[in-house]
Amino acid sequence: MKYNLLGNTGVLVSEIGLGTMTFGKSDNWGAFGGLDEKEAGVLVDQALDAGVNFFDTANVYAEGNSEKILGKTLKGKRHQAIIATKVRSRMGPGPNELGLSRLHIIRQVEESLQRLGTDYIDLYQIHNPDQLTDWEETLRALDDLVRSGKIRYIGSSNMNGWSIMKTRGLSQLHGLHAFKSSQSYYSLAARDIEREVIPVLKDQNMGLIVWSPLSGGFLSGKYSRDNQGGANDRHATVSFPPVDKDKAFPILDVLQDIAAVRETTVARIALAWVLNQQAVTSVIVGAKRPDQLQDNLSASGIRLTDDELARLEEVSRLPIEYPEWPFLKENDSIFRKHPQA
């Protein structure tokens, strides 16, 4: 297992992390998992044995049951784990049981600590921005928690580039702890963060933690033009994250060709592409079975050739948008024809 620095923290995290969205049962969480403590424990031990030290959860996963199960499976092994959890989502029917207010954050960190069975959280992430709460309010609450020792570092998730820069500026202005990482959706079928988020993270020396690197399993190899899942398929019941199939199927064609030549699986090649991206710190994988997890873990160490990377780049690249296109060399001929442009 390879380890990467989490931004400028000096902390090393495994390039593959175990996501726990599949842990725990609840009335509103059936499509994503439902593993009990015993089943989850097998996956946690398997991950630890493979060198994984990064475990990601959230207070909202299975309505708190994911955190409970992760805490129990790591009992006696807490020192081996970097635990990341999140706050923002609704955790009850009351008007203040969601968001990024000081009230909600302080309450939720205490509940997460209790469910996880630990006295500190390594990386506390905001799950999504909160349009109703001033950023300074949120950042001061998080700063207080770092200073109290209840959390070690803070991270963002699902934020755009300018919002990340705004929070960094506010933290610097007021002498507050700043976000050390961004957890973002990134895959061969979803490269949107390359426009603004990744350039910001590189500039600010922040970590990039990738969620859904297989686009909700769509790039796992079980989908094709002839097999798009049945009525019980996750993408048929919960289309999350959404996938542009017209764009994704040509990507799958190239993935299948490369996997066949290498005599490996499509999922490993799709994960390897993400792992080969310079900005990526850790890739979160989720699994319901040990064989699924083993297949994903086997992507660690795969280094794609320049030719393979070029083929995947060609089939998955983002369309060029303004203001980038006026400065591309391909447009030199346009400016020669129209020198006043």
Protein backbone atom coordinates (compact mmCIF):
# COMPACT_ATOMS: atom_id res chain seq x y z
CA MET A 1 0.00 0.00 0.00
CA LYS A 2 1.25 3.45 -0.91
CA TYR A 3 0.80 6.38 1.51
CA ASN A 4 0.38 10.04 0.63
CA LEU A 5 0.61 13.22 2.66
CA LEU A 6 -2.76 14.73 3.59
CA GLY A 7 -2.14 18.26 2.37
CA ASN A 8 0.40 20.04 4.57
CA THR A 9 -0.53 18.17 7.77
CA GLY A 10 2.42 15.79 7.75
CA VAL A 11 -0.06 12.92 8.20
CA LEU A 12 0.27 9.96 5.84
CA VAL A 13 -2.89 8.26 4.64
CA SER A 14 -3.27 5.14 2.51
CA GLU A 15 -3.90 5.85 -1.16
CA ILE A 16 -6.98 3.65 -0.85
CA GLY A 17 -9.38 4.29 2.01
CA LEU A 18 -12.36 2.26 3.13
CA GLY A 19 -15.71 3.99 2.88
CA THR A 20 -18.41 2.84 5.27
CA MET A 21 -21.60 3.92 3.53
CA THR A 22 -22.40 0.20 3.29
CA PHE A 23 -22.24 -0.22 7.08
CA GLY A 24 -25.49 -0.30 9.04
CA LYS A 25 -29.17 -0.62 8.41
CA SER A 26 -31.88 2.01 8.47
CA ASP A 27 -35.23 2.62 6.86
CA ASN A 28 -33.82 5.12 4.37
CA TRP A 29 -30.45 3.52 3.65
CA GLY A 30 -31.19 0.12 2.12
CA ALA A 31 -29.94 0.90 -1.38
CA PHE A 32 -26.42 1.60 -0.15
CA GLY A 33 -25.57 -1.35 2.03
CA GLY A 34 -27.00 -2.72 5.23
CA LEU A 35 -23.98 -4.64 6.53
CA ASP A 36 -24.14 -5.70 10.16
CA GLU A 37 -21.24 -5.49 12.64
CA LYS A 38 -19.90 -8.94 11.83
CA GLU A 39 -19.93 -8.39 8.07
CA ALA A 40 -18.41 -4.94 8.41
CA GLY A 41 -15.75 -6.27 10.78
CA VAL A 42 -14.51 -8.68 8.14
CA LEU A 43 -14.02 -5.81 5.69
CA VAL A 44 -12.30 -3.58 8.26
CA ASP A 45 -9.84 -6.32 9.23
CA GLN A 46 -9.21 -7.09 5.56
CA ALA A 47 -8.49 -3.43 4.89
CA LEU A 48 -6.15 -3.10 7.88
CA ASP A 49 -4.27 -6.23 6.82
CA ALA A 50 -3.79 -4.69 3.37
CA GLY A 51 -2.27 -1.54 4.88
CA VAL A 52 -5.35 0.70 4.74
CA ASN A 53 -5.30 3.28 7.53
CA PHE A 54 -7.94 5.73 6.26
CA PHE A 55 -11.60 5.09 7.11
CA ASP A 56 -14.35 7.43 6.01
CA THR A 57 -17.87 7.68 7.42
CA ALA A 58 -20.53 10.32 8.16
CA ASN A 59 -23.03 10.95 10.91
CA VAL A 60 -25.90 10.59 8.41
CA TYR A 61 -24.86 7.20 7.01
CA ALA A 62 -27.51 4.70 8.07
CA GLU A 63 -28.74 7.39 10.46
CA GLY A 64 -25.68 7.04 12.71
CA ASN A 65 -25.37 3.28 12.53
CA SER A 66 -22.36 3.42 10.21
CA GLU A 67 -20.36 5.36 12.82
CA LYS A 68 -21.45 2.95 15.56
CA ILE A 69 -20.37 -0.09 13.59
CA LEU A 70 -17.07 1.43 12.49
CA GLY A 71 -16.28 2.32 16.08
CA LYS A 72 -17.00 -1.21 17.26
CA THR A 73 -14.98 -2.85 14.49
CA LEU A 74 -11.98 -0.64 15.33
CA LYS A 75 -12.14 -1.31 19.06
CA GLY A 76 -8.63 -2.10 20.22
CA LYS A 77 -7.25 -0.96 16.86
CA ARG A 78 -8.01 2.75 17.07
CA HIS A 79 -4.33 3.70 16.89
CA GLN A 80 -4.08 2.06 13.45
CA ALA A 81 -6.82 4.19 11.93
CA ILE A 82 -7.25 7.70 10.60
CA ILE A 83 -11.00 8.23 11.07
CA ALA A 84 -12.83 10.79 8.98
CA THR A 85 -16.46 11.68 9.49
CA LYS A 86 -18.78 14.49 8.41
CA VAL A 87 -21.37 16.99 9.57
CA ARG A 88 -24.09 18.99 7.81
CA SER A 89 -26.96 16.61 7.03
CA ARG A 90 -30.27 16.40 8.82
CA MET A 91 -30.06 14.21 11.93
CA GLY A 92 -33.55 14.70 13.34
CA PRO A 93 -36.91 16.39 12.74
CA GLY A 94 -36.15 19.63 14.60
CA PRO A 95 -35.46 22.91 12.80
CA ASN A 96 -31.85 23.07 14.06
CA GLU A 97 -30.93 19.43 13.49
CA LEU A 98 -29.00 20.15 10.30
CA GLY A 99 -26.58 22.67 8.86
CA LEU A 100 -23.26 24.18 9.83
CA SER A 101 -24.24 26.42 12.71
CA ARG A 102 -22.17 26.33 15.88
CA LEU A 103 -25.18 24.81 17.62
CA HIS A 104 -25.45 21.88 15.22
CA ILE A 105 -21.72 21.28 14.81
CA ILE A 106 -20.98 21.12 18.55
CA ARG A 107 -23.92 18.85 19.17
CA GLN A 108 -23.04 16.55 16.30
CA VAL A 109 -19.36 16.20 17.09
CA GLU A 110 -20.28 15.00 20.59
CA GLU A 111 -22.74 12.47 19.17
CA SER A 112 -20.23 11.25 16.57
CA LEU A 113 -17.57 10.79 19.25
CA GLN A 114 -20.00 8.75 21.31
CA ARG A 115 -21.06 6.57 18.37
CA LEU A 116 -17.46 6.01 17.24
CA GLY A 117 -16.37 5.17 20.78
CA THR A 118 -13.39 7.51 20.63
CA ASP A 119 -12.34 10.76 22.27
CA TYR A 120 -11.06 12.40 19.07
CA ILE A 121 -11.78 12.49 15.35
CA ASP A 122 -8.82 12.70 12.99
CA LEU A 123 -10.52 14.52 10.11
CA TYR A 124 -13.85 16.30 10.60
CA GLN A 125 -15.38 17.31 7.29
CA ILE A 126 -18.32 19.48 6.37
CA HIS A 127 -20.49 17.28 4.16
CA ASN A 128 -21.84 20.12 2.01
CA PRO A 129 -21.89 23.92 2.22
CA ASP A 130 -24.69 25.57 4.21
CA GLN A 131 -26.24 28.60 2.53
CA LEU A 132 -27.89 29.75 5.76
CA THR A 133 -24.80 29.97 7.95
CA ASP A 134 -22.01 32.52 7.68
CA TRP A 135 -18.65 30.87 6.95
CA GLU A 136 -16.97 32.65 9.86
CA GLU A 137 -19.50 31.07 12.25
CA THR A 138 -18.73 27.61 10.90
CA LEU A 139 -14.96 28.05 10.82
CA ARG A 140 -14.83 29.45 14.38
CA ALA A 141 -16.82 26.48 15.68
CA LEU A 142 -14.50 24.05 13.91
CA ASP A 143 -11.44 25.96 15.14
CA ASP A 144 -12.69 25.68 18.74
CA LEU A 145 -13.05 21.92 18.31
CA VAL A 146 -9.49 21.59 16.99
CA ARG A 147 -8.14 23.66 19.88
CA SER A 148 -10.12 21.53 22.34
CA GLY A 149 -8.54 18.35 20.98
CA LYS A 150 -11.83 16.76 19.96
CA ILE A 151 -10.83 16.90 16.30
CA ARG A 152 -7.35 16.96 14.79
CA TYR A 153 -7.96 18.48 11.36
CA ILE A 154 -10.85 19.88 9.36
CA GLY A 155 -11.80 19.21 5.76
CA SER A 156 -14.33 20.31 3.19
CA SER A 157 -16.49 18.24 0.88
CA ASN A 158 -18.53 18.91 -2.24
CA MET A 159 -17.41 22.53 -2.53
CA ASN A 160 -16.50 24.52 -5.61
CA GLY A 161 -13.16 26.22 -6.10
CA TRP A 162 -14.08 29.78 -5.16
CA SER A 163 -15.77 28.62 -1.94
CA ILE A 164 -12.66 26.72 -0.90
CA MET A 165 -10.54 29.81 -1.53
CA LYS A 166 -12.99 32.01 0.38
CA THR A 167 -12.80 29.79 3.46
CA ARG A 168 -9.02 29.66 3.23
CA GLY A 169 -8.92 33.44 3.12
CA LEU A 170 -11.23 33.79 6.12
CA SER A 171 -9.17 31.29 8.12
CA GLN A 172 -5.99 33.21 7.36
CA LEU A 173 -7.60 36.58 8.09
CA HIS A 174 -8.93 35.52 11.50
CA GLY A 175 -6.14 33.15 12.55
CA LEU A 176 -8.36 30.05 12.38
CA HIS A 177 -7.55 26.48 11.45
CA ALA A 178 -8.18 25.96 7.74
CA PHE A 179 -9.55 23.11 5.68
CA LYS A 180 -6.76 20.64 4.94
CA SER A 181 -8.53 18.60 2.29
CA SER A 182 -11.47 18.37 -0.05
CA GLN A 183 -13.55 15.25 -0.49
CA SER A 184 -14.93 15.37 -4.01
CA TYR A 185 -16.60 13.20 -6.62
CA TYR A 186 -14.05 12.23 -9.27
CA SER A 187 -13.87 9.45 -11.82
CA LEU A 188 -13.20 8.84 -15.49
CA ALA A 189 -16.91 9.51 -16.05
CA ALA A 190 -16.94 12.64 -13.88
CA ARG A 191 -13.92 14.91 -14.27
CA ASP A 192 -15.67 18.19 -13.47
CA ILE A 193 -13.38 19.08 -10.55
CA GLU A 194 -10.46 19.41 -12.95
CA ARG A 195 -11.83 22.82 -13.99
CA GLU A 196 -11.53 24.68 -10.68
CA VAL A 197 -11.26 22.45 -7.62
CA ILE A 198 -8.06 20.57 -8.44
CA PRO A 199 -6.16 23.75 -9.44
CA VAL A 200 -7.17 25.31 -6.10
CA LEU A 201 -6.09 22.25 -4.12
CA LYS A 202 -2.72 22.17 -5.85
CA ASP A 203 -2.20 25.89 -5.28
CA GLN A 204 -3.16 25.67 -1.61
CA ASN A 205 -1.35 22.37 -0.91
CA MET A 206 -4.55 20.65 0.15
CA GLY A 207 -5.38 16.97 -0.03
CA LEU A 208 -7.91 15.48 -2.45
CA ILE A 209 -9.98 12.61 -1.13
CA VAL A 210 -12.03 11.01 -3.88
CA TRP A 211 -15.49 9.58 -3.34
CA SER A 212 -17.25 7.29 -5.83
CA PRO A 213 -14.22 6.71 -8.10
CA LEU A 214 -16.26 4.07 -9.95
CA SER A 215 -19.27 6.37 -10.39
CA GLY A 216 -21.51 4.39 -8.08
CA GLY A 217 -20.27 1.10 -9.52
CA PHE A 218 -21.00 2.04 -13.13
CA LEU A 219 -17.31 1.67 -13.99
CA SER A 220 -16.93 -1.56 -12.04
CA GLY A 221 -17.23 -3.78 -15.11
CA LYS A 222 -20.69 -5.17 -14.43
CA TYR A 223 -22.34 -2.68 -16.79
CA SER A 224 -22.30 -2.68 -20.57
CA ARG A 225 -24.52 -1.54 -23.39
CA ASP A 226 -26.20 -4.96 -23.31
CA ASN A 227 -26.37 -5.17 -19.52
CA GLN A 228 -27.51 -1.98 -17.84
CA GLY A 229 -28.76 -3.56 -14.62
CA GLY A 230 -32.17 -4.76 -13.65
CA ALA A 231 -35.05 -3.53 -11.55
CA ASN A 232 -33.10 -4.23 -8.35
CA ASP A 233 -29.96 -2.47 -9.54
CA ARG A 234 -28.73 0.49 -7.50
CA HIS A 235 -28.71 2.84 -10.50
CA ALA A 236 -32.29 1.83 -11.25
CA THR A 237 -33.46 2.55 -7.70
CA VAL A 238 -31.16 5.40 -6.64
CA SER A 239 -29.35 7.16 -9.47
CA PHE A 240 -26.51 8.45 -7.31
CA PRO A 241 -24.20 9.74 -8.44
CA PRO A 242 -25.88 10.44 -11.77
CA VAL A 243 -24.04 9.03 -14.78
CA ASP A 244 -24.15 10.25 -18.36
CA LYS A 245 -24.35 6.83 -20.01
CA ASP A 246 -23.75 8.17 -23.52
CA LYS A 247 -20.41 9.45 -22.25
CA ALA A 248 -19.67 6.51 -19.95
CA PHE A 249 -20.08 3.60 -22.36
CA PRO A 250 -17.20 4.66 -24.68
CA ILE A 251 -15.06 4.97 -21.55
CA LEU A 252 -16.07 1.46 -20.54
CA ASP A 253 -15.06 0.19 -23.98
CA VAL A 254 -11.50 1.48 -23.50
CA LEU A 255 -11.37 0.22 -19.91
CA GLN A 256 -12.43 -3.24 -21.06
CA ASP A 257 -9.75 -3.30 -23.77
CA ILE A 258 -6.99 -2.31 -21.33
CA ALA A 259 -8.23 -4.73 -18.67
CA ALA A 260 -8.29 -7.59 -21.18
CA VAL A 261 -4.70 -6.95 -22.28
CA ARG A 262 -3.53 -6.75 -18.67
CA GLU A 263 -5.67 -9.76 -17.68
CA THR A 264 -7.23 -7.83 -14.84
CA THR A 265 -10.59 -6.28 -14.03
CA VAL A 266 -12.24 -3.14 -15.35
CA ALA A 267 -12.68 -1.82 -11.79
CA ARG A 268 -8.95 -2.03 -11.09
CA ILE A 269 -8.08 -0.08 -14.23
CA ALA A 270 -10.72 2.57 -13.49
CA LEU A 271 -9.40 2.96 -9.95
CA ALA A 272 -5.81 2.94 -11.17
CA TRP A 273 -6.57 5.90 -13.44
CA VAL A 274 -7.76 7.94 -10.44
CA LEU A 275 -4.77 6.82 -8.38
CA ASN A 276 -2.46 7.90 -11.21
CA GLN A 277 -3.72 11.49 -11.00
CA GLN A 278 -1.12 13.67 -9.29
CA ALA A 279 -3.55 15.67 -7.15
CA VAL A 280 -5.21 12.63 -5.57
CA THR A 281 -4.35 11.81 -1.95
CA SER A 282 -6.69 8.92 -1.22
CA VAL A 283 -9.47 7.11 -3.06
CA ILE A 284 -12.42 5.89 -1.02
CA VAL A 285 -13.76 2.50 -2.02
CA GLY A 286 -16.88 0.87 -0.68
CA ALA A 287 -17.75 -2.80 -0.69
CA LYS A 288 -20.38 -5.23 0.51
CA ARG A 289 -18.26 -8.37 0.13
CA PRO A 290 -14.60 -9.30 0.74
CA ASP A 291 -14.06 -10.22 -2.92
CA GLN A 292 -15.24 -6.76 -4.00
CA LEU A 293 -12.90 -5.10 -1.53
CA GLN A 294 -9.97 -7.28 -2.58
CA ASP A 295 -10.52 -6.39 -6.22
CA ASN A 296 -10.48 -2.68 -5.35
CA LEU A 297 -7.45 -2.98 -3.08
CA SER A 298 -5.56 -4.67 -5.91
CA ALA A 299 -5.65 -1.39 -7.85
CA SER A 300 -2.99 -0.04 -5.48
CA GLY A 301 0.36 -0.21 -7.18
CA ILE A 302 -0.97 -0.42 -10.75
CA ARG A 303 0.81 2.14 -12.87
CA LEU A 304 -0.76 2.76 -16.24
CA THR A 305 1.48 3.25 -19.27
CA ASP A 306 1.64 6.53 -21.16
CA ASP A 307 -0.32 4.94 -24.00
CA GLU A 308 -3.04 3.67 -21.67
CA LEU A 309 -3.34 7.04 -19.99
CA ALA A 310 -3.52 8.75 -23.37
CA ARG A 311 -6.34 6.47 -24.53
CA LEU A 312 -8.33 7.09 -21.36
CA GLU A 313 -7.64 10.82 -21.59
CA GLU A 314 -8.91 10.95 -25.16
CA VAL A 315 -12.19 9.18 -24.41
CA SER A 316 -12.98 10.95 -21.12
CA ARG A 317 -11.58 14.48 -21.41
CA LEU A 318 -13.74 17.46 -20.56
CA PRO A 319 -14.89 19.78 -23.33
CA ILE A 320 -12.87 22.96 -23.42
CA GLU A 321 -14.76 25.93 -22.00
CA TYR A 322 -14.19 29.66 -21.83
CA PRO A 323 -11.96 31.24 -20.58
CA GLU A 324 -9.53 28.44 -21.40
CA TRP A 325 -10.06 28.16 -25.15
CA PRO A 326 -8.74 31.60 -26.24
CA PHE A 327 -5.27 30.67 -24.97
CA LEU A 328 -4.87 27.21 -26.48
CA LYS A 329 -2.23 26.68 -29.12
CA GLU A 330 -4.84 24.97 -31.30
CA ASN A 331 -6.44 28.39 -31.76
CA ASP A 332 -3.31 30.11 -33.06
CA SER A 333 -4.70 29.82 -36.59
CA ILE A 334 -7.87 31.61 -35.50
CA PHE A 335 -5.89 34.58 -34.21
CA ARG A 336 -3.73 34.65 -37.35
CA LYS A 337 -6.86 34.91 -39.47
CA HIS A 338 -8.42 37.47 -37.15
CA PRO A 339 -5.54 39.53 -35.66
CA GLN A 340 -7.97 41.99 -34.06
CA ALA A 341 -9.46 39.25 -31.85
